[in-house]
Amino acid sequence: MATDIATLGGGCFWCLEAVYQQVKGVQAVESGYTGGQVKDPTYEQVCEGTTGHAEVVRVTFDPDIIGYREILEIFFTIHDPTTVNRQGNDVGSQYRSVIYFHSPQQQGIARQVIAEMANVWDAPIVTELSPAETYYKAEGYHQNYFSQNPLQGYCAFVVAPKLAKFRKTFSDRIKA
């Protein structure tokens, strides 16, 4: 079975992770950091906003079940790609909207989807498009965060609504 990888940043990685874990064709989702200059950053360092890293998810998926384009369409539905370095109350460059592409093909698809999304959103799309860089897996307590902490305040008031929006918009893409 062939797999592909998408690396995406759209605010707190807990939100993206919770959604992509429910997508049909996604085999694994891992929270991590990329795009900065600090080697082996910690969550605390990334939260300071001085490492240059973004909170991201690395999504491993089966392209025979779900394509990269669909992965990106979900991405643009579950976060606001029009705010620079911000998602809701999460503010800082670590929360930027960014797509890290792993191939020229992914880069081309991402450019197309960004152009299409410009017609959907009322404000300009500010999502960065950059080549995949060195990726660092986030600490263990960040993995599967929503599924392990659904009643935690941030999860209940921020993650859960994004998950509900995904389920409503992409009901045909939910794992059985």
Protein backbone atom coordinates (compact mmCIF):
# COMPACT_ATOMS: atom_id res chain seq x y z
CA MET A 1 0.00 0.00 0.00
CA ALA A 2 1.42 3.37 -1.04
CA THR A 3 1.20 6.31 1.31
CA ASP A 4 1.79 10.03 1.02
CA ILE A 5 2.44 12.75 3.60
CA ALA A 6 0.94 16.20 4.06
CA THR A 7 2.41 18.67 6.55
CA LEU A 8 0.04 21.46 7.53
CA GLY A 9 -0.07 24.30 10.02
CA GLY A 10 -3.36 26.01 10.78
CA GLY A 11 -3.31 27.15 14.37
CA CYS A 12 -3.06 24.80 17.32
CA PHE A 13 -2.07 21.32 16.17
CA TRP A 14 -4.66 19.74 18.48
CA CYS A 15 -7.46 21.04 16.21
CA LEU A 16 -5.99 19.71 12.98
CA GLU A 17 -5.00 16.41 14.56
CA ALA A 18 -8.52 15.77 15.91
CA VAL A 19 -10.06 16.32 12.48
CA TYR A 20 -7.59 14.39 10.35
CA GLN A 21 -7.72 11.40 12.69
CA GLN A 22 -11.35 11.01 11.59
CA VAL A 23 -10.74 11.25 7.83
CA LYS A 24 -11.26 8.15 5.73
CA GLY A 25 -7.94 7.20 4.11
CA VAL A 26 -5.77 8.87 6.77
CA GLN A 27 -3.54 6.29 8.41
CA ALA A 28 -1.71 8.42 10.96
CA VAL A 29 -1.62 11.97 12.27
CA GLU A 30 1.25 13.30 14.32
CA SER A 31 1.64 16.71 15.94
CA GLY A 32 4.98 18.45 15.61
CA TYR A 33 6.98 21.52 14.72
CA THR A 34 8.67 22.70 11.54
CA GLY A 35 9.71 25.81 9.65
CA GLY A 36 12.05 27.31 12.21
CA GLN A 37 15.71 27.55 13.02
CA VAL A 38 15.91 25.87 16.46
CA LYS A 39 16.93 22.21 16.48
CA ASP A 40 14.75 19.87 18.59
CA PRO A 41 12.46 22.60 19.92
CA THR A 42 10.25 22.10 22.94
CA TYR A 43 6.61 23.13 23.15
CA GLU A 44 7.55 25.89 25.59
CA GLN A 45 10.15 27.28 23.15
CA VAL A 46 7.72 27.18 20.22
CA CYS A 47 5.03 28.92 22.33
CA GLU A 48 7.45 31.78 23.01
CA GLY A 49 7.31 32.51 19.27
CA THR A 50 11.07 32.91 18.91
CA THR A 51 11.99 29.60 17.23
CA GLY A 52 10.38 30.32 13.86
CA HIS A 53 8.61 26.95 14.03
CA ALA A 54 4.91 26.45 13.35
CA GLU A 55 2.73 23.96 15.16
CA VAL A 56 1.90 21.44 12.42
CA VAL A 57 0.40 18.05 11.81
CA ARG A 58 2.02 15.42 9.66
CA VAL A 59 -0.76 13.49 7.97
CA THR A 60 0.04 10.08 6.46
CA PHE A 61 -2.66 9.08 4.00
CA ASP A 62 -3.51 6.52 1.32
CA PRO A 63 -3.77 8.45 -1.97
CA ASP A 64 -5.95 5.68 -3.40
CA ILE A 65 -8.61 6.57 -0.82
CA ILE A 66 -8.15 10.33 -0.38
CA GLY A 67 -6.14 12.69 -2.54
CA TYR A 68 -3.86 15.52 -1.51
CA ARG A 69 -6.38 18.01 -2.97
CA GLU A 70 -9.07 16.67 -0.61
CA ILE A 71 -6.67 16.86 2.33
CA LEU A 72 -6.19 20.55 1.50
CA GLU A 73 -9.90 21.20 0.98
CA ILE A 74 -10.50 19.93 4.51
CA PHE A 75 -7.62 22.10 5.75
CA PHE A 76 -9.19 25.26 4.30
CA THR A 77 -12.55 24.39 5.84
CA ILE A 78 -11.35 23.86 9.42
CA HIS A 79 -9.17 26.93 9.90
CA ASP A 80 -9.16 30.59 8.88
CA PRO A 81 -6.55 31.07 6.13
CA THR A 82 -7.05 34.86 6.11
CA THR A 83 -5.45 35.79 9.43
CA VAL A 84 -1.71 36.33 9.70
CA ASN A 85 -0.12 34.47 12.63
CA ARG A 86 -3.44 33.89 14.32
CA GLN A 87 -6.28 31.41 14.76
CA GLY A 88 -8.93 32.78 17.08
CA ASN A 89 -7.31 33.56 20.43
CA ASP A 90 -4.10 31.73 19.47
CA VAL A 91 -1.71 34.47 18.38
CA GLY A 92 1.88 34.20 17.19
CA SER A 93 3.89 32.97 14.22
CA GLN A 94 3.67 29.42 15.58
CA TYR A 95 -0.06 29.49 14.67
CA ARG A 96 0.40 30.65 11.08
CA SER A 97 -1.47 29.12 8.17
CA VAL A 98 1.10 27.16 6.17
CA ILE A 99 1.35 24.24 3.78
CA TYR A 100 4.71 22.47 3.67
CA PHE A 101 4.87 20.61 0.36
CA HIS A 102 6.86 17.39 -0.09
CA SER A 103 7.03 17.35 -3.90
CA PRO A 104 6.60 19.61 -6.92
CA GLN A 105 3.25 17.87 -7.50
CA GLN A 106 2.04 18.82 -4.01
CA GLN A 107 3.26 22.37 -4.58
CA GLY A 108 1.24 22.64 -7.79
CA ILE A 109 -1.91 21.22 -6.21
CA ALA A 110 -1.53 23.54 -3.22
CA ARG A 111 -1.19 26.57 -5.51
CA GLN A 112 -4.36 25.57 -7.34
CA VAL A 113 -6.33 25.03 -4.14
CA ILE A 114 -5.12 28.35 -2.67
CA ALA A 115 -6.22 30.13 -5.85
CA GLU A 116 -9.63 28.43 -5.67
CA MET A 117 -10.02 29.32 -1.99
CA ALA A 118 -9.44 32.98 -2.82
CA ASN A 119 -12.91 32.87 -4.39
CA VAL A 120 -14.45 31.33 -1.27
CA TRP A 121 -13.12 33.60 1.46
CA ASP A 122 -14.01 37.30 1.74
CA ALA A 123 -10.50 38.33 2.78
CA PRO A 124 -7.19 37.54 1.06
CA ILE A 125 -5.65 34.10 1.71
CA VAL A 126 -2.41 34.47 3.69
CA THR A 127 -1.50 30.77 3.80
CA GLU A 128 2.23 30.30 3.25
CA LEU A 129 3.43 27.67 0.81
CA SER A 130 6.91 26.36 1.61
CA PRO A 131 9.01 23.28 0.94
CA ALA A 132 8.93 20.71 3.75
CA GLU A 133 11.74 21.27 6.19
CA THR A 134 13.16 19.33 9.09
CA TYR A 135 10.23 18.11 11.14
CA TYR A 136 10.29 17.54 14.89
CA LYS A 137 7.68 15.37 16.58
CA ALA A 138 5.94 17.15 19.46
CA GLU A 139 6.10 15.80 22.98
CA GLY A 140 4.10 12.67 23.73
CA TYR A 141 1.40 14.44 25.70
CA HIS A 142 0.45 16.41 22.54
CA GLN A 143 -0.25 13.27 20.52
CA ASN A 144 -3.93 12.26 20.37
CA TYR A 145 -4.61 15.23 22.64
CA PHE A 146 -8.29 15.77 21.90
CA SER A 147 -9.22 12.10 22.13
CA GLN A 148 -7.51 11.91 25.53
CA ASN A 149 -8.79 15.27 26.83
CA PRO A 150 -12.18 16.01 25.22
CA LEU A 151 -13.51 17.84 28.29
CA GLN A 152 -10.46 20.07 28.75
CA GLY A 153 -11.58 23.71 28.21
CA TYR A 154 -9.70 24.41 24.97
CA CYS A 155 -10.80 21.08 23.53
CA ALA A 156 -14.45 21.60 24.44
CA PHE A 157 -14.68 25.20 23.19
CA VAL A 158 -12.21 25.31 20.27
CA VAL A 159 -11.40 21.81 19.00
CA ALA A 160 -14.88 20.28 19.28
CA PRO A 161 -16.58 22.95 17.12
CA LYS A 162 -13.97 22.48 14.38
CA LEU A 163 -14.54 18.75 14.52
CA ALA A 164 -18.31 19.31 14.29
CA LYS A 165 -17.84 21.57 11.26
CA PHE A 166 -15.73 18.91 9.56
CA ARG A 167 -18.32 16.21 10.28
CA LYS A 168 -21.12 18.36 8.86
CA THR A 169 -19.22 19.51 5.77
CA PHE A 170 -17.44 16.26 4.93
CA SER A 171 -19.86 13.61 6.21
CA ASP A 172 -18.85 11.31 3.34
CA ARG A 173 -15.19 11.50 4.38
CA ILE A 174 -15.56 10.27 7.99
CA LYS A 175 -14.02 6.95 8.94
CA ALA A 176 -16.56 4.24 9.72
